[in-house]
């Protein structure tokens, strides 16, 4: 269900020239062997909560370029991490 929740999600990032780029998640961009259950600190206005999340790696040619964290209980995307520097 977590994989289905991120299909169509668009991640914005900036290239070397400072131009905004869009990476759209599809079934083909999900790296199947890179899905794990993790505990992620989540900042609220006045506190930090620990959330159990699915860490789903997405990328090109089964090479991860982003991690997407999906809350196990709500099914919402909590955070994305870019795995490359540009």
N, C-alpha and C. Protein backbone atom coordinates (compact mmCIF):
# COMPACT_ATOMS: atom_id res chain seq x y z
N UNK A 1 0.82 -1.20 0.00
CA UNK A 1 0.00 0.00 0.00
C UNK A 1 0.87 1.26 0.00
N UNK A 2 2.02 1.19 0.70
CA UNK A 2 2.90 2.36 0.74
C UNK A 2 3.48 2.65 -0.64
N UNK A 3 3.82 1.60 -1.40
CA UNK A 3 4.32 1.80 -2.76
C UNK A 3 3.26 2.47 -3.62
N UNK A 4 2.03 2.02 -3.51
CA UNK A 4 0.95 2.61 -4.31
C UNK A 4 0.71 4.06 -3.92
N UNK A 5 0.94 4.40 -2.66
CA UNK A 5 0.69 5.77 -2.19
C UNK A 5 1.65 6.79 -2.79
N UNK A 6 2.83 6.35 -3.22
CA UNK A 6 3.81 7.32 -3.74
C UNK A 6 3.80 7.42 -5.26
N UNK A 7 3.08 6.54 -5.93
CA UNK A 7 3.01 6.61 -7.40
C UNK A 7 2.40 7.95 -7.80
N UNK A 8 3.08 8.66 -8.69
CA UNK A 8 2.62 9.96 -9.15
C UNK A 8 3.14 11.13 -8.33
N UNK A 9 3.76 10.86 -7.18
CA UNK A 9 4.32 11.92 -6.35
C UNK A 9 5.48 12.57 -7.08
N UNK A 10 5.58 13.88 -7.02
CA UNK A 10 6.64 14.62 -7.71
C UNK A 10 7.60 15.23 -6.70
N UNK A 11 8.89 14.96 -6.90
CA UNK A 11 9.94 15.49 -6.05
C UNK A 11 10.63 16.61 -6.81
N UNK A 12 10.69 17.80 -6.21
CA UNK A 12 11.37 18.93 -6.83
C UNK A 12 12.81 18.99 -6.32
N UNK A 13 13.75 19.22 -7.24
CA UNK A 13 15.15 19.38 -6.89
C UNK A 13 15.79 20.36 -7.86
N UNK A 14 16.97 20.88 -7.49
CA UNK A 14 17.63 21.89 -8.30
C UNK A 14 18.91 21.32 -8.93
N UNK A 15 19.12 21.62 -10.21
CA UNK A 15 20.32 21.14 -10.89
C UNK A 15 21.48 22.11 -10.67
N UNK A 16 22.62 21.82 -11.32
CA UNK A 16 23.83 22.63 -11.14
C UNK A 16 23.60 24.11 -11.45
N UNK A 17 22.77 24.39 -12.41
CA UNK A 17 22.50 25.77 -12.81
C UNK A 17 21.47 26.47 -11.94
N UNK A 18 20.92 25.76 -10.97
CA UNK A 18 19.90 26.35 -10.10
C UNK A 18 18.49 26.23 -10.65
N UNK A 19 18.35 25.50 -11.76
CA UNK A 19 17.02 25.32 -12.35
C UNK A 19 16.29 24.20 -11.63
N UNK A 20 15.00 24.39 -11.43
CA UNK A 20 14.20 23.38 -10.75
C UNK A 20 13.92 22.22 -11.69
N UNK A 21 14.03 21.02 -11.17
CA UNK A 21 13.76 19.80 -11.92
C UNK A 21 12.68 19.02 -11.16
N UNK A 22 11.95 18.20 -11.88
CA UNK A 22 10.89 17.39 -11.28
C UNK A 22 11.19 15.92 -11.54
N UNK A 23 11.16 15.13 -10.48
CA UNK A 23 11.28 13.68 -10.59
C UNK A 23 9.93 13.10 -10.19
N UNK A 24 9.24 12.47 -11.14
CA UNK A 24 7.93 11.88 -10.84
C UNK A 24 8.09 10.38 -10.60
N UNK A 25 7.53 9.91 -9.49
CA UNK A 25 7.65 8.51 -9.11
C UNK A 25 6.64 7.68 -9.90
N UNK A 26 7.15 6.62 -10.53
CA UNK A 26 6.31 5.66 -11.25
C UNK A 26 6.63 4.27 -10.71
N UNK A 27 5.89 3.28 -11.16
CA UNK A 27 6.17 1.89 -10.76
C UNK A 27 7.59 1.49 -11.15
N UNK A 28 8.06 1.98 -12.30
CA UNK A 28 9.37 1.61 -12.80
C UNK A 28 10.51 2.26 -12.02
N UNK A 29 10.25 3.39 -11.34
CA UNK A 29 11.33 4.08 -10.63
C UNK A 29 11.50 3.59 -9.19
N UNK A 30 10.60 2.74 -8.70
CA UNK A 30 10.73 2.19 -7.35
C UNK A 30 11.78 1.09 -7.36
N UNK A 31 12.77 1.21 -6.49
CA UNK A 31 13.84 0.22 -6.38
C UNK A 31 13.36 -0.84 -5.39
N UNK A 32 12.94 -2.00 -5.92
CA UNK A 32 12.26 -3.01 -5.12
C UNK A 32 13.07 -3.58 -3.97
N UNK A 33 14.36 -3.75 -4.12
CA UNK A 33 15.15 -4.34 -3.05
C UNK A 33 15.60 -3.30 -2.02
N UNK A 34 15.09 -2.09 -2.11
CA UNK A 34 15.48 -1.00 -1.21
C UNK A 34 14.29 -0.49 -0.40
N UNK A 35 13.41 -1.38 0.06
CA UNK A 35 12.27 -0.98 0.87
C UNK A 35 12.47 -1.56 2.27
N UNK A 36 12.56 -0.66 3.27
CA UNK A 36 12.79 -1.11 4.63
C UNK A 36 11.93 -0.32 5.60
N UNK A 37 11.71 -0.90 6.77
CA UNK A 37 10.98 -0.26 7.84
C UNK A 37 11.99 0.49 8.72
N UNK A 38 11.74 1.77 9.00
CA UNK A 38 12.66 2.59 9.79
C UNK A 38 11.88 3.42 10.80
N UNK A 39 12.60 3.94 11.78
CA UNK A 39 12.02 4.90 12.72
C UNK A 39 12.63 6.25 12.39
N UNK A 40 11.77 7.24 12.15
CA UNK A 40 12.22 8.54 11.67
C UNK A 40 11.78 9.63 12.65
N UNK A 41 12.70 10.48 13.10
CA UNK A 41 12.28 11.62 13.92
C UNK A 41 11.51 12.61 13.04
N UNK A 42 10.37 13.08 13.54
CA UNK A 42 9.50 13.97 12.78
C UNK A 42 9.24 15.22 13.62
N UNK A 43 9.65 16.38 13.10
CA UNK A 43 9.49 17.64 13.83
C UNK A 43 8.07 18.16 13.74
N UNK A 44 7.52 18.47 14.89
CA UNK A 44 6.24 19.16 14.98
C UNK A 44 6.56 20.61 15.38
N UNK A 45 5.54 21.42 15.58
CA UNK A 45 5.77 22.82 15.96
C UNK A 45 6.61 22.96 17.22
N UNK A 46 6.29 22.16 18.24
CA UNK A 46 6.95 22.33 19.53
C UNK A 46 7.53 21.03 20.08
N UNK A 47 7.64 20.00 19.24
CA UNK A 47 8.15 18.72 19.73
C UNK A 47 8.70 17.88 18.57
N UNK A 48 9.32 16.77 18.94
CA UNK A 48 9.79 15.81 17.95
C UNK A 48 9.13 14.48 18.26
N UNK A 49 8.51 13.89 17.24
CA UNK A 49 7.87 12.59 17.38
C UNK A 49 8.70 11.55 16.64
N UNK A 50 8.65 10.34 17.11
CA UNK A 50 9.31 9.24 16.40
C UNK A 50 8.22 8.52 15.60
N UNK A 51 8.41 8.42 14.30
CA UNK A 51 7.44 7.79 13.42
C UNK A 51 8.01 6.52 12.82
N UNK A 52 7.19 5.48 12.75
CA UNK A 52 7.57 4.26 12.04
C UNK A 52 7.17 4.48 10.58
N UNK A 53 8.14 4.33 9.69
CA UNK A 53 7.92 4.63 8.27
C UNK A 53 8.52 3.54 7.39
N UNK A 54 7.94 3.43 6.21
CA UNK A 54 8.57 2.66 5.14
C UNK A 54 9.53 3.60 4.43
N UNK A 55 10.78 3.17 4.29
CA UNK A 55 11.75 3.92 3.48
C UNK A 55 11.77 3.25 2.13
N UNK A 56 11.27 3.96 1.14
CA UNK A 56 11.19 3.42 -0.22
C UNK A 56 12.17 4.19 -1.09
N UNK A 57 13.11 3.49 -1.69
CA UNK A 57 14.08 4.13 -2.57
C UNK A 57 13.51 4.20 -3.98
N UNK A 58 13.73 5.34 -4.62
CA UNK A 58 13.30 5.52 -6.00
C UNK A 58 14.48 6.04 -6.80
N UNK A 59 14.50 5.72 -8.08
CA UNK A 59 15.61 6.17 -8.91
C UNK A 59 15.49 5.72 -10.34
N UNK A 60 16.64 5.65 -10.99
CA UNK A 60 16.72 5.27 -12.39
C UNK A 60 17.51 3.98 -12.53
N UNK A 61 17.02 3.08 -13.35
CA UNK A 61 17.72 1.82 -13.65
C UNK A 61 18.05 1.05 -12.36
N UNK A 62 17.10 1.03 -11.41
CA UNK A 62 17.24 0.34 -10.12
C UNK A 62 18.40 0.89 -9.28
N UNK A 63 18.80 2.12 -9.54
CA UNK A 63 19.82 2.81 -8.73
C UNK A 63 19.11 3.93 -7.96
N UNK A 64 19.11 3.87 -6.62
CA UNK A 64 18.37 4.87 -5.84
C UNK A 64 18.95 6.27 -5.96
N UNK A 65 18.08 7.26 -6.13
CA UNK A 65 18.49 8.66 -6.12
C UNK A 65 17.75 9.46 -5.04
N UNK A 66 16.63 8.94 -4.56
CA UNK A 66 15.88 9.55 -3.46
C UNK A 66 15.37 8.45 -2.54
N UNK A 67 15.23 8.78 -1.24
CA UNK A 67 14.48 7.95 -0.31
C UNK A 67 13.18 8.70 -0.02
N UNK A 68 12.08 7.98 -0.06
CA UNK A 68 10.78 8.54 0.29
C UNK A 68 10.30 7.82 1.54
N UNK A 69 9.93 8.58 2.57
CA UNK A 69 9.50 8.00 3.84
C UNK A 69 7.99 8.12 3.97
N UNK A 70 7.32 6.97 4.10
CA UNK A 70 5.86 6.92 4.18
C UNK A 70 5.47 6.43 5.57
N UNK A 71 4.67 7.21 6.28
CA UNK A 71 4.21 6.84 7.61
C UNK A 71 3.38 5.57 7.54
N UNK A 72 3.70 4.59 8.40
CA UNK A 72 3.02 3.30 8.39
C UNK A 72 1.56 3.44 8.76
N UNK A 73 1.23 4.30 9.72
CA UNK A 73 -0.15 4.42 10.19
C UNK A 73 -1.02 5.26 9.28
N UNK A 74 -0.51 6.43 8.87
CA UNK A 74 -1.35 7.34 8.07
C UNK A 74 -1.23 7.11 6.58
N UNK A 75 -0.11 6.51 6.12
CA UNK A 75 0.11 6.32 4.70
C UNK A 75 0.56 7.58 3.99
N UNK A 76 0.88 8.63 4.74
CA UNK A 76 1.30 9.90 4.15
C UNK A 76 2.82 9.97 4.03
N UNK A 77 3.27 10.71 3.02
CA UNK A 77 4.70 10.92 2.84
C UNK A 77 5.16 11.93 3.88
N UNK A 78 6.15 11.51 4.68
CA UNK A 78 6.67 12.34 5.76
C UNK A 78 7.85 13.18 5.30
N UNK A 79 8.72 12.58 4.48
CA UNK A 79 9.96 13.25 4.10
C UNK A 79 10.54 12.60 2.86
N UNK A 80 11.33 13.36 2.12
CA UNK A 80 12.14 12.80 1.03
C UNK A 80 13.59 13.22 1.27
N UNK A 81 14.51 12.31 0.95
CA UNK A 81 15.94 12.61 1.06
C UNK A 81 16.57 12.42 -0.32
N UNK A 82 17.31 13.44 -0.73
CA UNK A 82 18.06 13.37 -1.99
C UNK A 82 19.38 12.68 -1.71
N UNK A 83 19.75 11.71 -2.53
CA UNK A 83 20.95 10.91 -2.30
C UNK A 83 22.13 11.32 -3.17
N UNK A 84 22.01 12.43 -3.88
CA UNK A 84 23.11 12.88 -4.74
C UNK A 84 23.32 14.37 -4.53
N UNK A 85 24.50 14.83 -4.90
CA UNK A 85 24.84 16.25 -4.79
C UNK A 85 25.01 16.79 -6.20
N UNK A 86 24.38 17.92 -6.43
CA UNK A 86 24.55 18.55 -7.74
C UNK A 86 24.83 20.02 -7.59
